[in-house]
Protein backbone atom coordinates (compact mmCIF):
# COMPACT_ATOMS: atom_id res chain seq x y z
CA MET A 1 -11.11 21.14 -4.34
CA ARG A 2 -10.47 17.46 -5.01
CA ASN A 3 -6.69 18.05 -5.01
CA PHE A 4 -7.03 19.85 -1.68
CA TYR A 5 -8.76 16.81 -0.17
CA ALA A 6 -6.06 14.57 -1.64
CA LEU A 7 -3.34 16.76 -0.10
CA ILE A 8 -5.00 16.71 3.32
CA SER A 9 -5.59 12.94 3.14
CA GLY A 10 -2.00 12.26 2.05
CA GLY A 11 -0.65 14.51 4.78
CA LEU A 12 -2.72 12.77 7.44
CA PHE A 13 -1.59 9.40 6.07
CA GLY A 14 2.06 10.45 6.27
CA ILE A 15 1.65 11.80 9.80
CA GLY A 16 -0.07 8.57 10.86
CA LEU A 17 2.72 6.48 9.35
CA THR A 18 5.33 8.58 11.12
CA ILE A 19 3.60 8.52 14.52
CA SER A 20 3.03 4.76 14.30
CA GLY A 21 6.66 4.16 13.33
CA MET A 22 5.76 2.45 10.06
CA ILE A 23 8.36 4.40 8.11
CA ASP A 24 11.02 2.66 10.22
CA THR A 25 12.04 -0.30 8.08
CA THR A 26 13.23 -2.34 11.07
CA LYS A 27 9.78 -2.08 12.69
CA VAL A 28 8.09 -3.42 9.55
CA GLN A 29 10.64 -6.21 9.19
CA GLY A 30 10.10 -7.01 12.88
CA TRP A 31 6.41 -7.62 12.09
CA LEU A 32 7.41 -10.12 9.42
CA ASP A 33 9.94 -11.92 11.67
CA VAL A 34 7.39 -14.24 13.31
CA PHE A 35 10.04 -16.81 14.33
CA GLY A 36 12.48 -14.24 15.71
CA ASP A 37 12.09 -10.93 17.51
CA TRP A 38 8.45 -10.44 16.45
CA ASP A 39 6.97 -6.93 16.78
CA PRO A 40 3.14 -7.05 16.72
CA THR A 41 2.58 -3.27 16.54
CA LEU A 42 1.91 -3.33 12.79
CA ALA A 43 -1.17 -5.48 13.48
CA PHE A 44 -2.65 -2.60 15.48
CA VAL A 45 -1.83 -0.12 12.71
CA MET A 46 -3.45 -2.41 10.13
CA GLY A 47 -6.48 -2.88 12.36
CA GLY A 48 -6.69 0.86 12.83
CA ALA A 49 -6.87 1.21 9.05
CA ILE A 50 -9.12 -1.76 8.25
CA PHE A 51 -11.86 -0.80 10.71
CA PRO A 52 -12.55 2.71 9.34
CA MET A 53 -12.18 1.52 5.73
CA THR A 54 -14.79 -1.16 6.34
CA ILE A 55 -17.17 1.55 7.50
CA ALA A 56 -16.22 3.78 4.55
CA TRP A 57 -16.91 0.99 2.01
CA MET A 58 -20.27 0.30 3.65
CA LEU A 59 -21.11 4.01 3.37
CA THR A 60 -20.31 4.06 -0.36
CA LYS A 61 -23.43 1.96 -0.90
CA LYS A 62 -25.54 4.83 0.43
CA PHE A 63 -24.08 7.50 -1.90
CA ARG A 64 -24.29 7.75 -5.67
CA SER A 65 -20.88 9.43 -5.98
CA PRO A 66 -18.01 10.53 -3.72
CA LEU A 67 -18.41 13.88 -1.97
CA ALA A 68 -15.27 15.22 -3.67
CA GLY A 69 -16.51 14.27 -7.16
CA GLY A 70 -15.71 11.51 -9.59
CA SER A 71 -17.05 8.02 -9.15
CA PHE A 72 -16.51 5.06 -6.87
CA PRO A 73 -14.22 2.33 -8.25
CA PRO A 74 -15.99 -0.77 -9.52
CA PRO A 75 -15.97 -3.85 -7.30
CA THR A 76 -13.03 -6.15 -7.85
CA ALA A 77 -13.36 -9.71 -9.08
CA PRO A 78 -14.21 -12.10 -6.25
CA PHE A 79 -11.50 -14.58 -7.23
CA ALA A 80 -7.71 -14.69 -7.27
CA ASN A 81 -6.10 -14.88 -10.69
CA ARG A 82 -2.48 -15.42 -11.65
CA SER A 83 -1.74 -11.68 -11.83
CA LEU A 84 -3.04 -11.11 -8.31
CA ILE A 85 -1.06 -14.02 -6.88
CA VAL A 86 2.22 -13.10 -8.60
CA GLY A 87 1.79 -9.41 -7.82
CA SER A 88 1.03 -10.12 -4.16
CA ALA A 89 4.04 -12.40 -3.87
CA LEU A 90 6.36 -9.79 -5.43
CA PHE A 91 4.92 -7.05 -3.21
CA GLY A 92 5.38 -9.20 -0.11
CA MET A 93 8.95 -10.14 -1.00
CA GLY A 94 9.87 -6.52 -1.62
CA TRP A 95 8.18 -5.46 1.60
CA ALA A 96 10.04 -8.14 3.57
CA LEU A 97 13.43 -7.36 2.03
CA VAL A 98 13.27 -3.57 2.27
CA GLY A 99 10.67 -2.94 4.96
CA LEU A 100 8.83 -0.37 2.87
CA CYS A 101 5.76 -0.30 0.69
CA PRO A 102 4.64 2.56 -1.58
CA GLY A 103 2.93 4.81 1.01
CA PRO A 104 5.62 4.76 3.68
CA SER A 105 8.39 5.00 1.09
CA PHE A 106 7.42 8.58 0.26
CA ALA A 107 7.22 9.51 3.93
CA ALA A 108 10.55 7.76 4.56
CA ILE A 109 12.46 9.84 2.00
CA PHE A 110 13.07 12.39 4.72
CA ILE A 111 14.46 9.75 7.08
CA ASN A 112 16.16 7.26 4.75
CA GLY A 113 17.60 9.85 2.38
CA LEU A 114 19.34 8.31 -0.62
CA GLY A 115 18.16 4.80 0.29
CA GLY A 116 14.55 6.03 0.16
CA LEU A 117 15.11 7.65 -3.22
CA VAL A 118 16.72 4.47 -4.58
CA PHE A 119 13.70 2.47 -3.38
CA ILE A 120 11.26 4.88 -5.05
CA ALA A 121 13.26 4.77 -8.30
CA ALA A 122 13.22 0.94 -8.24
CA MET A 123 9.49 0.95 -7.43
CA ALA A 124 8.80 3.34 -10.32
CA GLY A 125 10.81 1.10 -12.65
CA GLY A 126 8.79 -1.90 -11.53
CA MET A 127 5.56 0.00 -12.12
CA LEU A 128 6.67 0.86 -15.65
CA LEU A 129 7.60 -2.76 -16.39
CA ALA A 130 4.55 -4.34 -14.71
CA PRO A 131 2.10 -3.88 -17.63
CA ARG A 132 4.42 -5.85 -19.93
CA PHE A 133 4.50 -8.78 -17.51
CA LYS A 134 0.79 -8.52 -16.76
CA VAL A 135 0.00 -9.29 -20.39
CA LEU A 136 2.00 -12.52 -20.11
CA LEU A 137 0.29 -13.47 -16.86
CA ASP A 138 -3.19 -12.70 -18.17
CA GLU A 139 -2.60 -14.97 -21.19
CA GLY A 140 -2.16 -17.89 -18.79
CA ASP A 141 -5.53 -17.18 -17.12
CA GLN A 142 -7.51 -17.65 -20.32
C-alpha cells in the first residue's frame, strides 16, 4: 500500500510540475535571472508547496507514525555545517546552469529527451560520488 501512495504522490508531483511549467528549463532559469528578464512564477510554485508542507509538518506532531507506515524522519540539526553549505552551493549552481533539479528532471525526460537522460546520468554519478566528498567535508567540521 505504501508503494501505491508513493506512486500517486509522485504522479501528482509530476503533473503539478508540468502544469506549472517547472519542467521547462528556461522558466526556471528565468526565475534565477533577477537582473535580466526575471520570471517570478516559480515563487508562486514554491509558495504553493511551502504552505501545505508547513501544515503537514505541524500535523506530524499530532501523530505517532505516518498513516502509510514507517516513521517520521528525525529533525535536522538547527545549524548549517560545511556539508550543507557546499551541497547547497553545488545544487544551486547545477540548478542555475541546467534549469533542472531532481524532481523535474524525471518529469522532463519526456520533453528534453536525450538531454534529460544525460542530466539524470550526471546527477546519479554525483550522488554516487557525494559520500566520498562528504567524509572530507565532515572532517573539517570537527
